[in-house]
Amino acid sequence: MVAMAEELGLEMAILSLEHLLQYGEHNIRRAVPLALGPLCISNPKVNVMDTLSRLSHDSDSDVAMAAIISLGLIGAGTNNARIDGMLRNLSSYYYKEASLLFCV
């Protein structure tokens, strides 16, 4: 929560979460998208959007759900066209999986 207030702290927290995503265990991999969402709420950063977009197509449905919800959180109230396009593509990608489509 402290890292949300300043730019440098935010960048360091994002970098730490990316390291956890790369080197962490499977349970940690599920929690990283849920940490990225509130950290950048209504503040869409390109590197965070790319990470969440990549994670939204993950083979583990829990990771994909968390990434989809976090995409919605970082795009809340911003009218960001890139996030809008990502969510539209995800709705057509997950049209057969009801739980993931509900998250979108």
N, C-alpha and C. Protein backbone atom coordinates (compact mmCIF):
# COMPACT_ATOMS: atom_id res chain seq x y z
N MET A 1 0.82 -1.19 0.00
CA MET A 1 0.00 0.00 0.00
C MET A 1 0.87 1.26 0.00
N VAL A 2 2.02 1.18 0.63
CA VAL A 2 2.91 2.33 0.64
C VAL A 2 3.47 2.58 -0.77
N ALA A 3 3.71 1.50 -1.51
CA ALA A 3 4.28 1.62 -2.84
C ALA A 3 3.33 2.27 -3.83
N MET A 4 2.02 2.26 -3.54
CA MET A 4 1.07 2.88 -4.46
C MET A 4 1.22 4.39 -4.49
N ALA A 5 1.73 5.00 -3.43
CA ALA A 5 1.77 6.44 -3.31
C ALA A 5 2.91 7.09 -4.08
N GLU A 6 3.97 6.37 -4.33
CA GLU A 6 5.11 6.97 -5.00
C GLU A 6 5.51 6.15 -6.22
N GLU A 7 6.05 6.83 -7.21
CA GLU A 7 6.38 6.20 -8.48
C GLU A 7 7.52 5.19 -8.36
N LEU A 8 8.58 5.56 -7.65
CA LEU A 8 9.73 4.66 -7.52
C LEU A 8 9.37 3.40 -6.74
N GLY A 9 8.63 3.56 -5.66
CA GLY A 9 8.19 2.40 -4.88
C GLY A 9 7.29 1.48 -5.68
N LEU A 10 6.43 2.07 -6.51
CA LEU A 10 5.55 1.29 -7.37
C LEU A 10 6.34 0.47 -8.38
N GLU A 11 7.34 1.09 -8.99
CA GLU A 11 8.17 0.36 -9.97
C GLU A 11 8.94 -0.77 -9.30
N MET A 12 9.45 -0.54 -8.11
CA MET A 12 10.19 -1.58 -7.40
C MET A 12 9.27 -2.73 -6.98
N ALA A 13 8.06 -2.41 -6.57
CA ALA A 13 7.10 -3.46 -6.20
C ALA A 13 6.72 -4.29 -7.43
N ILE A 14 6.52 -3.64 -8.56
CA ILE A 14 6.20 -4.37 -9.80
C ILE A 14 7.36 -5.26 -10.20
N LEU A 15 8.57 -4.77 -10.08
CA LEU A 15 9.75 -5.57 -10.41
C LEU A 15 9.86 -6.78 -9.48
N SER A 16 9.60 -6.58 -8.21
CA SER A 16 9.64 -7.70 -7.25
C SER A 16 8.57 -8.74 -7.58
N LEU A 17 7.39 -8.28 -7.95
CA LEU A 17 6.33 -9.22 -8.31
C LEU A 17 6.66 -9.98 -9.59
N GLU A 18 7.33 -9.33 -10.54
CA GLU A 18 7.74 -10.04 -11.75
C GLU A 18 8.79 -11.10 -11.46
N HIS A 19 9.68 -10.81 -10.51
CA HIS A 19 10.65 -11.83 -10.10
C HIS A 19 9.96 -13.00 -9.40
N LEU A 20 8.97 -12.70 -8.56
CA LEU A 20 8.21 -13.78 -7.92
C LEU A 20 7.46 -14.61 -8.96
N LEU A 21 6.97 -13.95 -9.98
CA LEU A 21 6.25 -14.66 -11.04
C LEU A 21 7.19 -15.60 -11.80
N GLN A 22 8.42 -15.15 -12.00
CA GLN A 22 9.36 -15.95 -12.77
C GLN A 22 9.97 -17.08 -11.95
N TYR A 23 10.30 -16.80 -10.69
CA TYR A 23 11.04 -17.78 -9.90
C TYR A 23 10.23 -18.42 -8.77
N GLY A 24 9.01 -17.95 -8.54
CA GLY A 24 8.22 -18.45 -7.42
C GLY A 24 7.55 -19.78 -7.71
N GLU A 25 6.98 -20.34 -6.65
CA GLU A 25 6.26 -21.60 -6.78
C GLU A 25 4.90 -21.36 -7.42
N HIS A 26 4.18 -22.45 -7.61
CA HIS A 26 2.90 -22.38 -8.33
C HIS A 26 1.86 -21.56 -7.56
N ASN A 27 1.82 -21.69 -6.24
CA ASN A 27 0.86 -20.93 -5.45
C ASN A 27 1.15 -19.43 -5.50
N ILE A 28 2.42 -19.09 -5.53
CA ILE A 28 2.81 -17.69 -5.63
C ILE A 28 2.44 -17.14 -7.00
N ARG A 29 2.57 -17.96 -8.02
CA ARG A 29 2.21 -17.55 -9.38
C ARG A 29 0.72 -17.20 -9.47
N ARG A 30 -0.10 -17.87 -8.67
CA ARG A 30 -1.53 -17.57 -8.66
C ARG A 30 -1.83 -16.24 -7.97
N ALA A 31 -0.99 -15.84 -7.03
CA ALA A 31 -1.25 -14.63 -6.25
C ALA A 31 -0.69 -13.36 -6.88
N VAL A 32 0.28 -13.48 -7.76
CA VAL A 32 0.92 -12.30 -8.34
C VAL A 32 -0.06 -11.43 -9.13
N PRO A 33 -0.93 -11.97 -9.98
CA PRO A 33 -1.88 -11.09 -10.68
C PRO A 33 -2.82 -10.37 -9.72
N LEU A 34 -3.19 -11.02 -8.64
CA LEU A 34 -4.06 -10.38 -7.65
C LEU A 34 -3.33 -9.28 -6.89
N ALA A 35 -2.03 -9.32 -6.85
CA ALA A 35 -1.26 -8.24 -6.23
C ALA A 35 -1.03 -7.09 -7.20
N LEU A 36 -0.88 -7.40 -8.48
CA LEU A 36 -0.67 -6.35 -9.47
C LEU A 36 -1.91 -5.48 -9.67
N GLY A 37 -3.08 -6.06 -9.56
CA GLY A 37 -4.32 -5.32 -9.78
C GLY A 37 -4.51 -4.17 -8.81
N PRO A 38 -4.54 -4.42 -7.51
CA PRO A 38 -4.71 -3.31 -6.56
C PRO A 38 -3.51 -2.35 -6.52
N LEU A 39 -2.34 -2.85 -6.87
CA LEU A 39 -1.16 -2.00 -6.86
C LEU A 39 -1.25 -0.89 -7.92
N CYS A 40 -1.84 -1.21 -9.05
CA CYS A 40 -1.96 -0.25 -10.15
C CYS A 40 -3.42 0.07 -10.45
N ILE A 41 -4.25 0.13 -9.45
CA ILE A 41 -5.68 0.33 -9.67
C ILE A 41 -5.93 1.68 -10.35
N SER A 42 -6.69 1.65 -11.42
CA SER A 42 -7.01 2.82 -12.25
C SER A 42 -5.76 3.55 -12.73
N ASN A 43 -4.69 2.82 -12.91
CA ASN A 43 -3.43 3.38 -13.39
C ASN A 43 -2.79 2.38 -14.34
N PRO A 44 -3.29 2.31 -15.58
CA PRO A 44 -2.78 1.28 -16.51
C PRO A 44 -1.37 1.58 -17.01
N LYS A 45 -0.43 0.78 -16.57
CA LYS A 45 0.95 0.87 -17.04
C LYS A 45 1.14 -0.20 -18.10
N VAL A 46 1.94 0.12 -19.10
CA VAL A 46 2.10 -0.77 -20.25
C VAL A 46 2.72 -2.10 -19.84
N ASN A 47 3.74 -2.08 -18.99
CA ASN A 47 4.39 -3.34 -18.61
C ASN A 47 3.46 -4.21 -17.76
N VAL A 48 2.62 -3.60 -16.93
CA VAL A 48 1.67 -4.37 -16.14
C VAL A 48 0.58 -4.94 -17.04
N MET A 49 0.11 -4.15 -18.01
CA MET A 49 -0.90 -4.65 -18.95
C MET A 49 -0.36 -5.82 -19.76
N ASP A 50 0.89 -5.73 -20.19
CA ASP A 50 1.48 -6.84 -20.96
C ASP A 50 1.62 -8.10 -20.11
N THR A 51 2.03 -7.93 -18.87
CA THR A 51 2.16 -9.09 -17.98
C THR A 51 0.81 -9.74 -17.73
N LEU A 52 -0.20 -8.93 -17.43
CA LEU A 52 -1.52 -9.48 -17.17
C LEU A 52 -2.15 -10.07 -18.43
N SER A 53 -1.86 -9.49 -19.58
CA SER A 53 -2.37 -10.06 -20.83
C SER A 53 -1.76 -11.44 -21.08
N ARG A 54 -0.47 -11.56 -20.81
CA ARG A 54 0.19 -12.86 -20.97
C ARG A 54 -0.36 -13.88 -19.98
N LEU A 55 -0.59 -13.44 -18.74
CA LEU A 55 -1.10 -14.36 -17.72
C LEU A 55 -2.56 -14.72 -17.95
N SER A 56 -3.31 -13.90 -18.66
CA SER A 56 -4.72 -14.20 -18.90
C SER A 56 -4.91 -15.37 -19.86
N HIS A 57 -3.86 -15.75 -20.56
CA HIS A 57 -3.92 -16.91 -21.45
C HIS A 57 -3.18 -18.11 -20.86
N ASP A 58 -2.96 -18.11 -19.55
CA ASP A 58 -2.22 -19.17 -18.88
C ASP A 58 -3.03 -20.47 -18.88
N SER A 59 -2.33 -21.59 -18.80
CA SER A 59 -3.02 -22.88 -18.80
C SER A 59 -3.74 -23.15 -17.47
N ASP A 60 -3.26 -22.56 -16.39
CA ASP A 60 -3.93 -22.68 -15.09
C ASP A 60 -5.08 -21.68 -15.04
N SER A 61 -6.29 -22.18 -14.84
CA SER A 61 -7.46 -21.30 -14.89
C SER A 61 -7.50 -20.32 -13.72
N ASP A 62 -6.91 -20.67 -12.58
CA ASP A 62 -6.87 -19.73 -11.45
C ASP A 62 -5.99 -18.52 -11.76
N VAL A 63 -4.88 -18.75 -12.41
CA VAL A 63 -3.99 -17.65 -12.81
C VAL A 63 -4.70 -16.78 -13.85
N ALA A 64 -5.37 -17.42 -14.80
CA ALA A 64 -6.07 -16.67 -15.83
C ALA A 64 -7.20 -15.83 -15.24
N MET A 65 -7.95 -16.40 -14.29
CA MET A 65 -9.03 -15.64 -13.65
C MET A 65 -8.49 -14.44 -12.89
N ALA A 66 -7.42 -14.63 -12.17
CA ALA A 66 -6.83 -13.53 -11.40
C ALA A 66 -6.32 -12.44 -12.33
N ALA A 67 -5.73 -12.83 -13.45
CA ALA A 67 -5.22 -11.84 -14.40
C ALA A 67 -6.37 -11.07 -15.06
N ILE A 68 -7.46 -11.73 -15.36
CA ILE A 68 -8.61 -11.05 -15.98
C ILE A 68 -9.22 -10.04 -15.01
N ILE A 69 -9.37 -10.45 -13.76
CA ILE A 69 -9.92 -9.54 -12.75
C ILE A 69 -8.99 -8.35 -12.54
N SER A 70 -7.69 -8.59 -12.53
CA SER A 70 -6.73 -7.50 -12.35
C SER A 70 -6.71 -6.56 -13.55
N LEU A 71 -6.91 -7.10 -14.75
CA LEU A 71 -7.04 -6.22 -15.93
C LEU A 71 -8.21 -5.27 -15.77
N GLY A 72 -9.30 -5.78 -15.24
CA GLY A 72 -10.45 -4.93 -14.99
C GLY A 72 -10.17 -3.88 -13.93
N LEU A 73 -9.40 -4.25 -12.91
CA LEU A 73 -9.08 -3.30 -11.85
C LEU A 73 -8.18 -2.17 -12.34
N ILE A 74 -7.17 -2.50 -13.14
CA ILE A 74 -6.26 -1.44 -13.58
C ILE A 74 -6.91 -0.56 -14.64
N GLY A 75 -7.93 -1.06 -15.30
CA GLY A 75 -8.61 -0.26 -16.30
C GLY A 75 -9.86 0.43 -15.80
N ALA A 76 -10.18 0.27 -14.52
CA ALA A 76 -11.42 0.82 -13.98
C ALA A 76 -11.41 2.35 -14.02
N GLY A 77 -12.38 2.90 -14.71
CA GLY A 77 -12.55 4.35 -14.78
C GLY A 77 -11.58 5.07 -15.68
N THR A 78 -10.82 4.37 -16.52
CA THR A 78 -9.81 5.04 -17.32
C THR A 78 -10.20 5.19 -18.78
N ASN A 79 -11.17 4.43 -19.26
CA ASN A 79 -11.55 4.45 -20.67
C ASN A 79 -10.35 4.12 -21.57
N ASN A 80 -9.57 3.14 -21.15
CA ASN A 80 -8.37 2.72 -21.87
C ASN A 80 -8.77 1.77 -22.99
N ALA A 81 -8.47 2.17 -24.22
CA ALA A 81 -8.88 1.39 -25.40
C ALA A 81 -8.11 0.07 -25.49
N ARG A 82 -6.87 0.05 -25.03
CA ARG A 82 -6.08 -1.17 -25.12
C ARG A 82 -6.63 -2.25 -24.20
N ILE A 83 -6.99 -1.88 -22.98
CA ILE A 83 -7.57 -2.84 -22.05
C ILE A 83 -8.93 -3.29 -22.55
N ASP A 84 -9.68 -2.37 -23.12
CA ASP A 84 -10.99 -2.71 -23.69
C ASP A 84 -10.83 -3.76 -24.80
N GLY A 85 -9.86 -3.57 -25.66
CA GLY A 85 -9.61 -4.55 -26.72
C GLY A 85 -9.17 -5.89 -26.18
N MET A 86 -8.33 -5.87 -25.12
CA MET A 86 -7.89 -7.12 -24.51
C MET A 86 -9.06 -7.89 -23.93
N LEU A 87 -9.94 -7.19 -23.22
CA LEU A 87 -11.09 -7.86 -22.61
C LEU A 87 -12.07 -8.37 -23.67
N ARG A 88 -12.23 -7.65 -24.76
CA ARG A 88 -13.09 -8.15 -25.85
C ARG A 88 -12.50 -9.40 -26.47
N ASN A 89 -11.19 -9.41 -26.69
CA ASN A 89 -10.55 -10.60 -27.25
C ASN A 89 -10.63 -11.78 -26.28
N LEU A 90 -10.52 -11.49 -24.99
CA LEU A 90 -10.63 -12.57 -24.00
C LEU A 90 -12.04 -13.16 -23.96
N SER A 91 -13.04 -12.32 -24.19
CA SER A 91 -14.41 -12.85 -24.18
C SER A 91 -14.64 -13.79 -25.36
N SER A 92 -14.02 -13.51 -26.50
CA SER A 92 -14.17 -14.43 -27.63
C SER A 92 -13.25 -15.65 -27.47
N TYR A 93 -12.13 -15.50 -26.74
CA TYR A 93 -11.20 -16.60 -26.53
C TYR A 93 -11.78 -17.62 -25.54
N TYR A 94 -12.47 -17.15 -24.51
CA TYR A 94 -13.02 -18.02 -23.47
C TYR A 94 -14.53 -18.19 -23.59
N TYR A 95 -15.07 -18.18 -24.77
CA TYR A 95 -16.53 -18.28 -24.92
C TYR A 95 -17.08 -19.64 -24.50
N LYS A 96 -16.25 -20.69 -24.45
CA LYS A 96 -16.73 -22.02 -24.06
C LYS A 96 -16.55 -22.30 -22.57
N GLU A 97 -15.73 -21.51 -21.88
CA GLU A 97 -15.48 -21.73 -20.46
C GLU A 97 -16.25 -20.69 -19.66
N ALA A 98 -17.30 -21.14 -18.99
CA ALA A 98 -18.25 -20.24 -18.33
C ALA A 98 -17.62 -19.42 -17.20
N SER A 99 -16.78 -20.04 -16.40
CA SER A 99 -16.21 -19.31 -15.26
C SER A 99 -15.26 -18.20 -15.71
N LEU A 100 -14.46 -18.47 -16.71
CA LEU A 100 -13.56 -17.45 -17.21
C LEU A 100 -14.30 -16.37 -17.98
N LEU A 101 -15.34 -16.75 -18.68
CA LEU A 101 -16.15 -15.76 -19.39
C LEU A 101 -16.87 -14.86 -18.40
N PHE A 102 -17.30 -15.41 -17.27
CA PHE A 102 -17.94 -14.61 -16.23
C PHE A 102 -16.96 -13.59 -15.66
N CYS A 103 -15.71 -13.98 -15.51
CA CYS A 103 -14.69 -13.03 -15.00
C CYS A 103 -14.48 -11.89 -15.99
N VAL A 104 -14.51 -12.19 -17.26
CA VAL A 104 -14.35 -11.14 -18.27
C VAL A 104 -15.53 -10.19 -18.19
